[in-house]
PDB file of N, CA and C in Angstrom:
ATOM      1  N   MET A   1      48.785 106.577 105.525  1.00  0.00           N
ATOM      2  CA  MET A   1      50.098 106.840 104.963  1.00  0.00           C
ATOM      3  C   MET A   1      49.996 106.874 103.440  1.00  0.00           C
ATOM      4  N   PRO A   2      50.699 107.797 102.829  1.00  0.00           N
ATOM      5  CA  PRO A   2      50.660 107.837 101.365  1.00  0.00           C
ATOM      6  C   PRO A   2      51.461 106.683 100.764  1.00  0.00           C
ATOM      7  N   ASN A   3      50.920 106.161  99.698  1.00  0.00           N
ATOM      8  CA  ASN A   3      51.579 105.086  98.958  1.00  0.00           C
ATOM      9  C   ASN A   3      51.835 105.552  97.541  1.00  0.00           C
ATOM     10  N   PRO A   4      52.885 105.020  96.898  1.00  0.00           N
ATOM     11  CA  PRO A   4      53.135 105.425  95.512  1.00  0.00           C
ATOM     12  C   PRO A   4      52.019 104.933  94.591  1.00  0.00           C
ATOM     13  N   LYS A   5      51.633 105.811  93.673  1.00  0.00           N
ATOM     14  CA  LYS A   5      50.580 105.446  92.720  1.00  0.00           C
ATOM     15  C   LYS A   5      51.122 104.500  91.652  1.00  0.00           C
ATOM     16  N   ARG A   6      52.373 104.713  91.212  1.00  0.00           N
ATOM     17  CA  ARG A   6      53.010 103.866  90.211  1.00  0.00           C
ATOM     18  C   ARG A   6      54.325 103.341  90.786  1.00  0.00           C
ATOM     19  N   ARG A   7      54.722 102.165  90.344  1.00  0.00           N
ATOM     20  CA  ARG A   7      55.984 101.626  90.836  1.00  0.00           C
ATOM     21  C   ARG A   7      57.151 102.353  90.156  1.00  0.00           C
ATOM     22  N   HIS A   8      58.258 102.464  90.869  1.00  0.00           N
ATOM     23  CA  HIS A   8      59.445 103.111  90.324  1.00  0.00           C
ATOM     24  C   HIS A   8      60.176 102.131  89.420  1.00  0.00           C
ATOM     25  N   SER A   9      60.754 102.663  88.368  1.00  0.00           N
ATOM     26  CA  SER A   9      61.470 101.815  87.411  1.00  0.00           C
ATOM     27  C   SER A   9      62.778 101.314  88.012  1.00  0.00           C
ATOM     28  N   LYS A  10      63.358 100.305  87.360  1.00  0.00           N
ATOM     29  CA  LYS A  10      64.643  99.763  87.807  1.00  0.00           C
ATOM     30  C   LYS A  10      65.750 100.793  87.684  1.00  0.00           C
ATOM     31  N   ALA A  11      65.693 101.628  86.654  1.00  0.00           N
ATOM     32  CA  ALA A  11      66.711 102.665  86.472  1.00  0.00           C
ATOM     33  C   ALA A  11      66.653 103.678  87.610  1.00  0.00           C
ATOM     34  N   ARG A  12      65.452 104.067  88.000  1.00  0.00           N
ATOM     35  CA  ARG A  12      65.319 105.035  89.093  1.00  0.00           C
ATOM     36  C   ARG A  12      65.789 104.433  90.411  1.00  0.00           C
ATOM     37  N   ARG A  13      65.458 103.163  90.647  1.00  0.00           N
ATOM     38  CA  ARG A  13      65.918 102.469  91.851  1.00  0.00           C
ATOM     39  C   ARG A  13      67.444 102.387  91.874  1.00  0.00           C
ATOM     40  N   ASN A  14      68.048 102.032  90.715  1.00  0.00           N
ATOM     41  CA  ASN A  14      69.494 101.875  90.651  1.00  0.00           C
ATOM     42  C   ASN A  14      70.224 103.206  90.788  1.00  0.00           C
ATOM     43  N   ARG A  15      69.637 104.289  90.269  1.00  0.00           N
ATOM     44  CA  ARG A  15      70.253 105.609  90.460  1.00  0.00           C
ATOM     45  C   ARG A  15      70.251 106.009  91.927  1.00  0.00           C
ATOM     46  N   ARG A  16      69.200 105.655  92.627  1.00  0.00           N
ATOM     47  CA  ARG A  16      69.134 105.956  94.059  1.00  0.00           C
ATOM     48  C   ARG A  16      70.192 105.172  94.836  1.00  0.00           C
ATOM     49  N   ARG A  17      70.465 103.956  94.400  1.00  0.00           N
ATOM     50  CA  ARG A  17      71.415 103.090  95.100  1.00  0.00           C
ATOM     51  C   ARG A  17      72.855 103.263  94.625  1.00  0.00           C
ATOM     52  N   ALA A  18      73.114 104.239  93.782  1.00  0.00           N
ATOM     53  CA  ALA A  18      74.448 104.399  93.192  1.00  0.00           C
ATOM     54  C   ALA A  18      75.518 104.682  94.244  1.00  0.00           C
ATOM     55  N   HIS A  19      75.160 105.297  95.374  1.00  0.00           N
ATOM     56  CA  HIS A  19      76.137 105.666  96.390  1.00  0.00           C
ATOM     57  C   HIS A  19      76.120 104.721  97.587  1.00  0.00           C
ATOM     58  N   ASP A  20      75.458 103.583  97.468  1.00  0.00           N
ATOM     59  CA  ASP A  20      75.344 102.654  98.593  1.00  0.00           C
ATOM     60  C   ASP A  20      76.481 101.651  98.662  1.00  0.00           C
ATOM     61  N   HIS A  21      77.494 101.781  97.797  1.00  0.00           N
ATOM     62  CA  HIS A  21      78.579 100.807  97.779  1.00  0.00           C
ATOM     63  C   HIS A  21      79.500 101.008  98.984  1.00  0.00           C
ATOM     64  N   LEU A  22      80.270  99.991  99.298  1.00  0.00           N
ATOM     65  CA  LEU A  22      81.221 100.046 100.404  1.00  0.00           C
ATOM     66  C   LEU A  22      82.499 100.744  99.954  1.00  0.00           C
ATOM     67  N   THR A  23      83.138 101.426 100.883  1.00  0.00           N
ATOM     68  CA  THR A  23      84.424 102.060 100.593  1.00  0.00           C
ATOM     69  C   THR A  23      85.503 101.402 101.452  1.00  0.00           C
ATOM     70  N   ALA A  24      86.698 101.318 100.920  1.00  0.00           N
ATOM     71  CA  ALA A  24      87.813 100.730 101.660  1.00  0.00           C
ATOM     72  C   ALA A  24      88.238 101.681 102.778  1.00  0.00           C
ATOM     73  N   PRO A  25      88.643 101.152 103.935  1.00  0.00           N
ATOM     74  CA  PRO A  25      89.087 102.039 105.007  1.00  0.00           C
ATOM     75  C   PRO A  25      90.377 102.750 104.631  1.00  0.00           C
ATOM     76  N   ALA A  26      90.531 103.958 105.138  1.00  0.00           N
ATOM     77  CA  ALA A  26      91.753 104.724 104.873  1.00  0.00           C
ATOM     78  C   ALA A  26      92.925 104.039 105.576  1.00  0.00           C
ATOM     79  N   MET A  27      94.046 103.952 104.888  1.00  0.00           N
ATOM     80  CA  MET A  27      95.224 103.318 105.457  1.00  0.00           C
ATOM     81  C   MET A  27      96.398 104.282 105.376  1.00  0.00           C
ATOM     82  N   ALA A  28      97.298 104.175 106.348  1.00  0.00           N
ATOM     83  CA  ALA A  28      98.494 105.004 106.382  1.00  0.00           C
ATOM     84  C   ALA A  28      99.686 104.098 106.636  1.00  0.00           C
ATOM     85  N   GLU A  29     100.847 104.523 106.188  1.00  0.00           N
ATOM     86  CA  GLU A  29     102.057 103.729 106.378  1.00  0.00           C
ATOM     87  C   GLU A  29     102.641 104.014 107.749  1.00  0.00           C
ATOM     88  N   CYS A  30     102.986 102.959 108.458  1.00  0.00           N
ATOM     89  CA  CYS A  30     103.630 103.104 109.765  1.00  0.00           C
ATOM     90  C   CYS A  30     105.043 103.630 109.550  1.00  0.00           C
ATOM     91  N   PRO A  31     105.426 104.725 110.212  1.00  0.00           N
ATOM     92  CA  PRO A  31     106.775 105.255 110.007  1.00  0.00           C
ATOM     93  C   PRO A  31     107.869 104.374 110.622  1.00  0.00           C
ATOM     94  N   HIS A  32     107.488 103.462 111.510  1.00  0.00           N
ATOM     95  CA  HIS A  32     108.487 102.623 112.172  1.00  0.00           C
ATOM     96  C   HIS A  32     108.772 101.344 111.384  1.00  0.00           C
ATOM     97  N   CYS A  33     107.718 100.606 111.000  1.00  0.00           N
ATOM     98  CA  CYS A  33     107.929  99.323 110.311  1.00  0.00           C
ATOM     99  C   CYS A  33     107.462  99.354 108.850  1.00  0.00           C
ATOM    100  N   HIS A  34     106.867 100.450 108.412  1.00  0.00           N
ATOM    101  CA  HIS A  34     106.428 100.662 107.033  1.00  0.00           C
ATOM    102  C   HIS A  34     105.331  99.695 106.581  1.00  0.00           C
ATOM    103  N   GLU A  35     104.582  99.139 107.529  1.00  0.00           N
ATOM    104  CA  GLU A  35     103.393  98.351 107.200  1.00  0.00           C
ATOM    105  C   GLU A  35     102.196  99.295 107.142  1.00  0.00           C
ATOM    106  N   MET A  36     101.150  98.870 106.462  1.00  0.00           N
ATOM    107  CA  MET A  36      99.948  99.689 106.393  1.00  0.00           C
ATOM    108  C   MET A  36      99.134  99.503 107.670  1.00  0.00           C
ATOM    109  N   LYS A  37      98.595 100.611 108.193  1.00  0.00           N
ATOM    110  CA  LYS A  37      97.809 100.582 109.427  1.00  0.00           C
ATOM    111  C   LYS A  37      96.721 101.629 109.334  1.00  0.00           C
ATOM    112  N   LEU A  38      95.754 101.571 110.246  1.00  0.00           N
ATOM    113  CA  LEU A  38      94.719 102.591 110.307  1.00  0.00           C
ATOM    114  C   LEU A  38      95.316 103.878 110.873  1.00  0.00           C
ATOM    115  N   PRO A  39      94.927 105.047 110.356  1.00  0.00           N
ATOM    116  CA  PRO A  39      95.478 106.291 110.878  1.00  0.00           C
ATOM    117  C   PRO A  39      95.001 106.547 112.312  1.00  0.00           C
ATOM    118  N   HIS A  40      95.827 107.183 113.100  1.00  0.00           N
ATOM    119  CA  HIS A  40      95.552 107.537 114.492  1.00  0.00           C
ATOM    120  C   HIS A  40      95.343 106.310 115.372  1.00  0.00           C
ATOM    121  N   GLN A  41      95.955 105.188 115.002  1.00  0.00           N
ATOM    122  CA  GLN A  41      95.881 103.956 115.777  1.00  0.00           C
ATOM    123  C   GLN A  41      97.294 103.419 115.952  1.00  0.00           C
ATOM    124  N   ALA A  42      97.505 102.655 117.014  1.00  0.00           N
ATOM    125  CA  ALA A  42      98.795 101.998 117.197  1.00  0.00           C
ATOM    126  C   ALA A  42      98.954 100.932 116.116  1.00  0.00           C
ATOM    127  N   CYS A  43     100.163 100.746 115.651  1.00  0.00           N
ATOM    128  CA  CYS A  43     100.434  99.773 114.591  1.00  0.00           C
ATOM    129  C   CYS A  43     100.272  98.365 115.158  1.00  0.00           C
ATOM    130  N   PRO A  44      99.443  97.522 114.535  1.00  0.00           N
ATOM    131  CA  PRO A  44      99.281  96.160 115.046  1.00  0.00           C
ATOM    132  C   PRO A  44     100.479  95.269 114.769  1.00  0.00           C
ATOM    133  N   HIS A  45     101.394  95.690 113.891  1.00  0.00           N
ATOM    134  CA  HIS A  45     102.553  94.867 113.534  1.00  0.00           C
ATOM    135  C   HIS A  45     103.732  95.103 114.473  1.00  0.00           C
ATOM    136  N   CYS A  46     103.991  96.374 114.812  1.00  0.00           N
ATOM    137  CA  CYS A  46     105.160  96.662 115.657  1.00  0.00           C
ATOM    138  C   CYS A  46     104.777  97.247 117.016  1.00  0.00           C
ATOM    139  N   GLY A  47     103.540  97.725 117.189  1.00  0.00           N
ATOM    140  CA  GLY A  47     103.095  98.247 118.484  1.00  0.00           C
ATOM    141  C   GLY A  47     103.472  99.695 118.735  1.00  0.00           C
ATOM    142  N   TYR A  48     103.958 100.407 117.725  1.00  0.00           N
ATOM    143  CA  TYR A  48     104.383 101.786 117.920  1.00  0.00           C
ATOM    144  C   TYR A  48     103.271 102.754 117.540  1.00  0.00           C
ATOM    145  N   TYR A  49     103.203 103.868 118.261  1.00  0.00           N
ATOM    146  CA  TYR A  49     102.314 104.972 117.931  1.00  0.00           C
ATOM    147  C   TYR A  49     103.048 106.256 118.252  1.00  0.00           C
ATOM    148  N   ARG A  50     103.206 107.123 117.267  1.00  0.00           N
ATOM    149  CA  ARG A  50     103.888 108.410 117.400  1.00  0.00           C
ATOM    150  C   ARG A  50     105.285 108.244 118.001  1.00  0.00           C
ATOM    151  N   SER A  51     106.059 107.346 117.423  1.00  0.00           N
ATOM    152  CA  SER A  51     107.467 107.092 117.759  1.00  0.00           C
ATOM    153  C   SER A  51     107.683 106.526 119.156  1.00  0.00           C
ATOM    154  N   ARG A  52     106.649 105.958 119.761  1.00  0.00           N
ATOM    155  CA  ARG A  52     106.807 105.286 121.056  1.00  0.00           C
ATOM    156  C   ARG A  52     106.139 103.928 120.973  1.00  0.00           C
ATOM    157  N   GLU A  53     106.704 102.973 121.688  1.00  0.00           N
ATOM    158  CA  GLU A  53     106.072 101.664 121.764  1.00  0.00           C
ATOM    159  C   GLU A  53     104.977 101.731 122.817  1.00  0.00           C
ATOM    160  N   VAL A  54     103.744 101.499 122.409  1.00  0.00           N
ATOM    161  CA  VAL A  54     102.624 101.624 123.336  1.00  0.00           C
ATOM    162  C   VAL A  54     101.960 100.285 123.631  1.00  0.00           C
ATOM    163  N   ILE A  55     102.127  99.280 122.751  1.00  0.00           N
ATOM    164  CA  ILE A  55     101.608  97.946 123.024  1.00  0.00           C
ATOM    165  C   ILE A  55     102.703  96.943 122.750  1.00  0.00           C
ATOM    166  N   LEU A  56     102.693  95.873 123.509  1.00  0.00           N
ATOM    167  CA  LEU A  56     103.667  94.802 123.331  1.00  0.00           C
ATOM    168  C   LEU A  56     103.105  93.818 122.306  1.00  0.00           C
ATOM    169  N   VAL A  57     103.844  93.603 121.240  1.00  0.00           N
ATOM    170  CA  VAL A  57     103.389  92.690 120.187  1.00  0.00           C
ATOM    171  C   VAL A  57     104.210  91.429 120.269  1.00  0.00           C
ATOM    172  N   GLU A  58     103.505  90.291 120.343  1.00  0.00           N
ATOM    173  CA  GLU A  58     104.175  88.990 120.412  1.00  0.00           C
ATOM    174  C   GLU A  58     104.641  88.614 119.003  1.00  0.00           C
ATOM    175  N   GLU A  59     105.828  88.108 118.892  1.00  0.00           N
ATOM    176  CA  GLU A  59     106.364  87.624 117.626  1.00  0.00           C
ATOM    177  C   GLU A  59     105.751  86.269 117.331  1.00  0.00           C
ATOM    178  N   SER A  60     105.169  86.095 116.149  1.00  0.00           N
ATOM    179  CA  SER A  60     104.600  84.804 115.774  1.00  0.00           C
ATOM    180  C   SER A  60     105.685  83.925 115.154  1.00  0.00           C
ATOM    181  N   ALA A  61     105.550  82.612 115.323  1.00  0.00           N
ATOM    182  CA  ALA A  61     106.569  81.691 114.847  1.00  0.00           C
ATOM    183  C   ALA A  61     106.552  81.456 113.387  1.00  0.00           C
TER     184      ALA A  61
END
């Protein structure tokens, strides 16, 4: 297997890693309760998806 003849500098290593950061997940506003939720998913706060209740959400005390 070929091996590098010279070691790569820190700048070259860091330029390669420039796009390795984490990105925040996309969020959308629920049209029913106006909480933020993942797009194309049922709202975990009210249980609605596309103007219908699809999951039963228990009210916390």
